[in-house]
Amino acid sequence: MPQLHLYVSDEDASRIRARAAAEGLSVSRYLAQVVLRDDTDGWPAGWLEAVVGGWQGEPLKREPTGPFQERDPF
């Protein structure tokens, strides 16, 4: 089975070890699950619903585009 190596800070490593232990997994198996969970061909579940209509700032304004630009035909 191939092995992948990565470098993380001491703080991140401690957090990863704690999460793996909390789930009763080895660090290697925990990280494999994290990677495979995020390795998809589409958007995460619920992403579109969370984003569409999610703007909470000032109303967006579309500035005038100015006059139509005429270009030479091909």
PDB file of N, CA and C in Angstrom:
ATOM      1  N   MET A   1       0.859  -1.175   0.000  1.00  0.00           N
ATOM      2  CA  MET A   1       0.000   0.000   0.000  1.00  0.00           C
ATOM      3  C   MET A   1       0.901   1.233   0.000  1.00  0.00           C
ATOM      4  N   PRO A   2       0.629   2.219  -0.862  1.00  0.00           N
ATOM      5  CA  PRO A   2       1.459   3.422  -0.900  1.00  0.00           C
ATOM      6  C   PRO A   2       1.367   4.210   0.408  1.00  0.00           C
ATOM      7  N   GLN A   3       2.430   4.912   0.702  1.00  0.00           N
ATOM      8  CA  GLN A   3       2.458   5.789   1.864  1.00  0.00           C
ATOM      9  C   GLN A   3       2.601   7.222   1.382  1.00  0.00           C
ATOM     10  N   LEU A   4       1.913   8.121   2.035  1.00  0.00           N
ATOM     11  CA  LEU A   4       2.017   9.552   1.761  1.00  0.00           C
ATOM     12  C   LEU A   4       2.567  10.214   3.010  1.00  0.00           C
ATOM     13  N   HIS A   5       3.403  11.204   2.819  1.00  0.00           N
ATOM     14  CA  HIS A   5       4.001  11.905   3.957  1.00  0.00           C
ATOM     15  C   HIS A   5       3.607  13.374   3.896  1.00  0.00           C
ATOM     16  N   LEU A   6       3.409  13.968   5.062  1.00  0.00           N
ATOM     17  CA  LEU A   6       3.120  15.385   5.126  1.00  0.00           C
ATOM     18  C   LEU A   6       3.733  15.964   6.390  1.00  0.00           C
ATOM     19  N   TYR A   7       3.916  17.257   6.370  1.00  0.00           N
ATOM     20  CA  TYR A   7       4.487  17.960   7.511  1.00  0.00           C
ATOM     21  C   TYR A   7       3.458  18.928   8.057  1.00  0.00           C
ATOM     22  N   VAL A   8       3.298  18.915   9.377  1.00  0.00           N
ATOM     23  CA  VAL A   8       2.384  19.829  10.056  1.00  0.00           C
ATOM     24  C   VAL A   8       3.104  20.394  11.276  1.00  0.00           C
ATOM     25  N   SER A   9       2.570  21.458  11.797  1.00  0.00           N
ATOM     26  CA  SER A   9       3.165  22.055  13.000  1.00  0.00           C
ATOM     27  C   SER A   9       2.948  21.133  14.196  1.00  0.00           C
ATOM     28  N   ASP A  10       3.710  21.350  15.246  1.00  0.00           N
ATOM     29  CA  ASP A  10       3.546  20.561  16.478  1.00  0.00           C
ATOM     30  C   ASP A  10       2.128  20.702  17.026  1.00  0.00           C
ATOM     31  N   GLU A  11       1.608  21.917  16.952  1.00  0.00           N
ATOM     32  CA  GLU A  11       0.249  22.181  17.441  1.00  0.00           C
ATOM     33  C   GLU A  11      -0.784  21.385  16.639  1.00  0.00           C
ATOM     34  N   ASP A  12      -0.650  21.387  15.315  1.00  0.00           N
ATOM     35  CA  ASP A  12      -1.576  20.634  14.469  1.00  0.00           C
ATOM     36  C   ASP A  12      -1.444  19.135  14.726  1.00  0.00           C
ATOM     37  N   ALA A  13      -0.210  18.653  14.891  1.00  0.00           N
ATOM     38  CA  ALA A  13       0.009  17.227  15.151  1.00  0.00           C
ATOM     39  C   ALA A  13      -0.670  16.807  16.448  1.00  0.00           C
ATOM     40  N   SER A  14      -0.582  17.618  17.469  1.00  0.00           N
ATOM     41  CA  SER A  14      -1.234  17.303  18.744  1.00  0.00           C
ATOM     42  C   SER A  14      -2.742  17.227  18.581  1.00  0.00           C
ATOM     43  N   ARG A  15      -3.288  18.167  17.846  1.00  0.00           N
ATOM     44  CA  ARG A  15      -4.732  18.183  17.622  1.00  0.00           C
ATOM     45  C   ARG A  15      -5.169  16.958  16.814  1.00  0.00           C
ATOM     46  N   ILE A  16      -4.392  16.593  15.793  1.00  0.00           N
ATOM     47  CA  ILE A  16      -4.709  15.418  14.983  1.00  0.00           C
ATOM     48  C   ILE A  16      -4.646  14.152  15.826  1.00  0.00           C
ATOM     49  N   ARG A  17      -3.596  14.013  16.642  1.00  0.00           N
ATOM     50  CA  ARG A  17      -3.478  12.827  17.512  1.00  0.00           C
ATOM     51  C   ARG A  17      -4.668  12.732  18.462  1.00  0.00           C
ATOM     52  N   ALA A  18      -5.082  13.863  19.029  1.00  0.00           N
ATOM     53  CA  ALA A  18      -6.209  13.865  19.963  1.00  0.00           C
ATOM     54  C   ALA A  18      -7.503  13.469  19.259  1.00  0.00           C
ATOM     55  N   ARG A  19      -7.738  13.971  18.061  1.00  0.00           N
ATOM     56  CA  ARG A  19      -8.956  13.616  17.322  1.00  0.00           C
ATOM     57  C   ARG A  19      -8.955  12.149  16.932  1.00  0.00           C
ATOM     58  N   ALA A  20      -7.792  11.645  16.510  1.00  0.00           N
ATOM     59  CA  ALA A  20      -7.691  10.227  16.161  1.00  0.00           C
ATOM     60  C   ALA A  20      -7.986   9.363  17.381  1.00  0.00           C
ATOM     61  N   ALA A  21      -7.391   9.714  18.526  1.00  0.00           N
ATOM     62  CA  ALA A  21      -7.607   8.950  19.751  1.00  0.00           C
ATOM     63  C   ALA A  21      -9.078   8.991  20.169  1.00  0.00           C
ATOM     64  N   ALA A  22      -9.714  10.144  20.036  1.00  0.00           N
ATOM     65  CA  ALA A  22     -11.121  10.286  20.420  1.00  0.00           C
ATOM     66  C   ALA A  22     -12.016   9.388  19.574  1.00  0.00           C
ATOM     67  N   GLU A  23     -11.599   9.119  18.336  1.00  0.00           N
ATOM     68  CA  GLU A  23     -12.386   8.250  17.456  1.00  0.00           C
ATOM     69  C   GLU A  23     -11.906   6.801  17.505  1.00  0.00           C
ATOM     70  N   GLY A  24     -10.895   6.533  18.353  1.00  0.00           N
ATOM     71  CA  GLY A  24     -10.386   5.180  18.482  1.00  0.00           C
ATOM     72  C   GLY A  24      -9.637   4.697  17.258  1.00  0.00           C
ATOM     73  N   LEU A  25      -8.981   5.621  16.554  1.00  0.00           N
ATOM     74  CA  LEU A  25      -8.267   5.287  15.327  1.00  0.00           C
ATOM     75  C   LEU A  25      -6.793   5.620  15.453  1.00  0.00           C
ATOM     76  N   SER A  26      -5.990   4.948  14.641  1.00  0.00           N
ATOM     77  CA  SER A  26      -4.596   5.359  14.530  1.00  0.00           C
ATOM     78  C   SER A  26      -4.563   6.689  13.785  1.00  0.00           C
ATOM     79  N   VAL A  27      -3.494   7.419  13.951  1.00  0.00           N
ATOM     80  CA  VAL A  27      -3.361   8.698  13.241  1.00  0.00           C
ATOM     81  C   VAL A  27      -3.431   8.458  11.739  1.00  0.00           C
ATOM     82  N   SER A  28      -2.767   7.404  11.261  1.00  0.00           N
ATOM     83  CA  SER A  28      -2.763   7.100   9.835  1.00  0.00           C
ATOM     84  C   SER A  28      -4.175   6.839   9.312  1.00  0.00           C
ATOM     85  N   ARG A  29      -4.926   5.998  10.007  1.00  0.00           N
ATOM     86  CA  ARG A  29      -6.289   5.685   9.559  1.00  0.00           C
ATOM     87  C   ARG A  29      -7.181   6.927   9.644  1.00  0.00           C
ATOM     88  N   TYR A  30      -7.028   7.718  10.705  1.00  0.00           N
ATOM     89  CA  TYR A  30      -7.818   8.942  10.851  1.00  0.00           C
ATOM     90  C   TYR A  30      -7.557   9.896   9.683  1.00  0.00           C
ATOM     91  N   LEU A  31      -6.275  10.120   9.369  1.00  0.00           N
ATOM     92  CA  LEU A  31      -5.945  11.032   8.270  1.00  0.00           C
ATOM     93  C   LEU A  31      -6.426  10.485   6.929  1.00  0.00           C
ATOM     94  N   ALA A  32      -6.353   9.171   6.738  1.00  0.00           N
ATOM     95  CA  ALA A  32      -6.863   8.577   5.502  1.00  0.00           C
ATOM     96  C   ALA A  32      -8.350   8.857   5.361  1.00  0.00           C
ATOM     97  N   GLN A  33      -9.108   8.731   6.450  1.00  0.00           N
ATOM     98  CA  GLN A  33     -10.541   9.022   6.403  1.00  0.00           C
ATOM     99  C   GLN A  33     -10.808  10.486   6.090  1.00  0.00           C
ATOM    100  N   VAL A  34     -10.019  11.379   6.681  1.00  0.00           N
ATOM    101  CA  VAL A  34     -10.182  12.810   6.425  1.00  0.00           C
ATOM    102  C   VAL A  34      -9.935  13.109   4.946  1.00  0.00           C
ATOM    103  N   VAL A  35      -8.868  12.564   4.403  1.00  0.00           N
ATOM    104  CA  VAL A  35      -8.531  12.811   3.005  1.00  0.00           C
ATOM    105  C   VAL A  35      -9.607  12.246   2.090  1.00  0.00           C
ATOM    106  N   LEU A  36     -10.021  11.022   2.313  1.00  0.00           N
ATOM    107  CA  LEU A  36     -11.022  10.396   1.448  1.00  0.00           C
ATOM    108  C   LEU A  36     -12.375  11.067   1.562  1.00  0.00           C
ATOM    109  N   ARG A  37     -12.724  11.571   2.735  1.00  0.00           N
ATOM    110  CA  ARG A  37     -13.991  12.275   2.917  1.00  0.00           C
ATOM    111  C   ARG A  37     -14.019  13.543   2.073  1.00  0.00           C
ATOM    112  N   ASP A  38     -12.886  14.216   1.973  1.00  0.00           N
ATOM    113  CA  ASP A  38     -12.824  15.468   1.229  1.00  0.00           C
ATOM    114  C   ASP A  38     -12.468  15.283  -0.239  1.00  0.00           C
ATOM    115  N   ASP A  39     -12.165  14.067  -0.663  1.00  0.00           N
ATOM    116  CA  ASP A  39     -11.770  13.793  -2.041  1.00  0.00           C
ATOM    117  C   ASP A  39     -12.998  13.399  -2.855  1.00  0.00           C
ATOM    118  N   THR A  40     -13.740  14.395  -3.297  1.00  0.00           N
ATOM    119  CA  THR A  40     -14.958  14.141  -4.058  1.00  0.00           C
ATOM    120  C   THR A  40     -14.893  14.871  -5.382  1.00  0.00           C
ATOM    121  N   ASP A  41     -15.795  14.500  -6.260  1.00  0.00           N
ATOM    122  CA  ASP A  41     -15.864  15.150  -7.568  1.00  0.00           C
ATOM    123  C   ASP A  41     -16.873  16.289  -7.593  1.00  0.00           C
ATOM    124  N   GLY A  42     -17.498  16.585  -6.488  1.00  0.00           N
ATOM    125  CA  GLY A  42     -18.516  17.628  -6.476  1.00  0.00           C
ATOM    126  C   GLY A  42     -18.393  18.511  -5.255  1.00  0.00           C
ATOM    127  N   TRP A  43     -19.397  19.324  -5.065  1.00  0.00           N
ATOM    128  CA  TRP A  43     -19.436  20.214  -3.915  1.00  0.00           C
ATOM    129  C   TRP A  43     -19.822  19.428  -2.674  1.00  0.00           C
ATOM    130  N   PRO A  44     -19.379  19.851  -1.500  1.00  0.00           N
ATOM    131  CA  PRO A  44     -19.779  19.162  -0.270  1.00  0.00           C
ATOM    132  C   PRO A  44     -21.291  19.209  -0.082  1.00  0.00           C
ATOM    133  N   ALA A  45     -21.834  18.210   0.579  1.00  0.00           N
ATOM    134  CA  ALA A  45     -23.273  18.152   0.831  1.00  0.00           C
ATOM    135  C   ALA A  45     -23.739  19.416   1.537  1.00  0.00           C
ATOM    136  N   GLY A  46     -24.812  19.996   1.048  1.00  0.00           N
ATOM    137  CA  GLY A  46     -25.393  21.185   1.652  1.00  0.00           C
ATOM    138  C   GLY A  46     -24.698  22.489   1.301  1.00  0.00           C
ATOM    139  N   TRP A  47     -23.638  22.427   0.481  1.00  0.00           N
ATOM    140  CA  TRP A  47     -22.883  23.637   0.156  1.00  0.00           C
ATOM    141  C   TRP A  47     -23.750  24.647  -0.582  1.00  0.00           C
ATOM    142  N   LEU A  48     -24.447  24.205  -1.611  1.00  0.00           N
ATOM    143  CA  LEU A  48     -25.248  25.135  -2.408  1.00  0.00           C
ATOM    144  C   LEU A  48     -26.335  25.792  -1.560  1.00  0.00           C
ATOM    145  N   GLU A  49     -26.993  25.016  -0.752  1.00  0.00           N
ATOM    146  CA  GLU A  49     -28.059  25.563   0.089  1.00  0.00           C
ATOM    147  C   GLU A  49     -27.521  26.595   1.077  1.00  0.00           C
ATOM    148  N   ALA A  50     -26.298  26.395   1.551  1.00  0.00           N
ATOM    149  CA  ALA A  50     -25.701  27.325   2.510  1.00  0.00           C
ATOM    150  C   ALA A  50     -25.239  28.608   1.834  1.00  0.00           C
ATOM    151  N   VAL A  51     -24.905  28.528   0.558  1.00  0.00           N
ATOM    152  CA  VAL A  51     -24.341  29.685  -0.134  1.00  0.00           C
ATOM    153  C   VAL A  51     -25.404  30.530  -0.823  1.00  0.00           C
ATOM    154  N   VAL A  52     -26.333  29.886  -1.500  1.00  0.00           N
ATOM    155  CA  VAL A  52     -27.353  30.635  -2.250  1.00  0.00           C
ATOM    156  C   VAL A  52     -28.188  31.456  -1.272  1.00  0.00           C
ATOM    157  N   GLY A  53     -28.254  32.728  -1.523  1.00  0.00           N
ATOM    158  CA  GLY A  53     -29.012  33.617  -0.651  1.00  0.00           C
ATOM    159  C   GLY A  53     -28.329  33.886   0.678  1.00  0.00           C
ATOM    160  N   GLY A  54     -27.064  33.538   0.779  1.00  0.00           N
ATOM    161  CA  GLY A  54     -26.373  33.665   2.044  1.00  0.00           C
ATOM    162  C   GLY A  54     -25.697  35.002   2.291  1.00  0.00           C
ATOM    163  N   TRP A  55     -25.745  35.932   1.329  1.00  0.00           N
ATOM    164  CA  TRP A  55     -25.112  37.227   1.521  1.00  0.00           C
ATOM    165  C   TRP A  55     -25.798  37.963   2.651  1.00  0.00           C
ATOM    166  N   GLN A  56     -25.018  38.425   3.633  1.00  0.00           N
ATOM    167  CA  GLN A  56     -25.603  39.092   4.785  1.00  0.00           C
ATOM    168  C   GLN A  56     -25.108  40.521   4.950  1.00  0.00           C
ATOM    169  N   GLY A  57     -24.397  41.049   3.954  1.00  0.00           N
ATOM    170  CA  GLY A  57     -23.883  42.406   4.054  1.00  0.00           C
ATOM    171  C   GLY A  57     -24.837  43.404   3.431  1.00  0.00           C
ATOM    172  N   GLU A  58     -24.293  44.566   3.125  1.00  0.00           N
ATOM    173  CA  GLU A  58     -25.078  45.605   2.459  1.00  0.00           C
ATOM    174  C   GLU A  58     -25.589  45.077   1.118  1.00  0.00           C
ATOM    175  N   PRO A  59     -26.743  45.564   0.656  1.00  0.00           N
ATOM    176  CA  PRO A  59     -27.224  45.118  -0.648  1.00  0.00           C
ATOM    177  C   PRO A  59     -26.180  45.441  -1.732  1.00  0.00           C
ATOM    178  N   LEU A  60     -26.003  44.509  -2.644  1.00  0.00           N
ATOM    179  CA  LEU A  60     -25.055  44.723  -3.727  1.00  0.00           C
ATOM    180  C   LEU A  60     -25.652  45.677  -4.748  1.00  0.00           C
ATOM    181  N   LYS A  61     -24.812  46.533  -5.304  1.00  0.00           N
ATOM    182  CA  LYS A  61     -25.265  47.495  -6.308  1.00  0.00           C
ATOM    183  C   LYS A  61     -24.484  47.236  -7.593  1.00  0.00           C
ATOM    184  N   ARG A  62     -25.185  47.230  -8.714  1.00  0.00           N
ATOM    185  CA  ARG A  62     -24.527  47.085  -9.999  1.00  0.00           C
ATOM    186  C   ARG A  62     -24.384  48.469 -10.615  1.00  0.00           C
ATOM    187  N   GLU A  63     -23.131  48.842 -10.801  1.00  0.00           N
ATOM    188  CA  GLU A  63     -22.859  50.149 -11.390  1.00  0.00           C
ATOM    189  C   GLU A  63     -23.206  50.118 -12.879  1.00  0.00           C
ATOM    190  N   PRO A  64     -23.539  51.284 -13.456  1.00  0.00           N
ATOM    191  CA  PRO A  64     -23.817  51.321 -14.896  1.00  0.00           C
ATOM    192  C   PRO A  64     -22.595  50.827 -15.683  1.00  0.00           C
ATOM    193  N   THR A  65     -22.856  50.131 -16.774  1.00  0.00           N
ATOM    194  CA  THR A  65     -21.767  49.562 -17.560  1.00  0.00           C
ATOM    195  C   THR A  65     -21.202  50.539 -18.579  1.00  0.00           C
ATOM    196  N   GLY A  66     -21.868  51.645 -18.796  1.00  0.00           N
ATOM    197  CA  GLY A  66     -21.379  52.613 -19.776  1.00  0.00           C
ATOM    198  C   GLY A  66     -21.889  52.280 -21.173  1.00  0.00           C
ATOM    199  N   PRO A  67     -21.424  53.023 -22.151  1.00  0.00           N
ATOM    200  CA  PRO A  67     -21.926  52.797 -23.508  1.00  0.00           C
ATOM    201  C   PRO A  67     -21.438  51.454 -24.073  1.00  0.00           C
ATOM    202  N   PHE A  68     -22.208  50.932 -24.995  1.00  0.00           N
ATOM    203  CA  PHE A  68     -21.890  49.671 -25.664  1.00  0.00           C
ATOM    204  C   PHE A  68     -20.629  49.847 -26.496  1.00  0.00           C
ATOM    205  N   GLN A  69     -19.721  48.906 -26.402  1.00  0.00           N
ATOM    206  CA  GLN A  69     -18.462  48.996 -27.138  1.00  0.00           C
ATOM    207  C   GLN A  69     -18.610  48.356 -28.508  1.00  0.00           C
ATOM    208  N   GLU A  70     -18.358  49.110 -29.548  1.00  0.00           N
ATOM    209  CA  GLU A  70     -18.427  48.570 -30.910  1.00  0.00           C
ATOM    210  C   GLU A  70     -17.082  48.000 -31.290  1.00  0.00           C
ATOM    211  N   ARG A  71     -17.100  46.816 -31.884  1.00  0.00           N
ATOM    212  CA  ARG A  71     -15.864  46.167 -32.303  1.00  0.00           C
ATOM    213  C   ARG A  71     -15.939  45.835 -33.785  1.00  0.00           C
ATOM    214  N   ASP A  72     -14.769  45.744 -34.392  1.00  0.00           N
ATOM    215  CA  ASP A  72     -14.715  45.352 -35.806  1.00  0.00           C
ATOM    216  C   ASP A  72     -15.152  43.897 -35.929  1.00  0.00           C
ATOM    217  N   PRO A  73     -15.898  43.579 -36.984  1.00  0.00           N
ATOM    218  CA  PRO A  73     -16.283  42.177 -37.185  1.00  0.00           C
ATOM    219  C   PRO A  73     -15.082  41.320 -37.559  1.00  0.00           C
ATOM    220  N   PHE A  74     -15.193  40.027 -37.348  1.00  0.00           N
ATOM    221  CA  PHE A  74     -14.118  39.114 -37.712  1.00  0.00           C
ATOM    222  C   PHE A  74     -13.979  39.025 -39.206  1.00  0.00           C
TER     223      PHE A  74
END
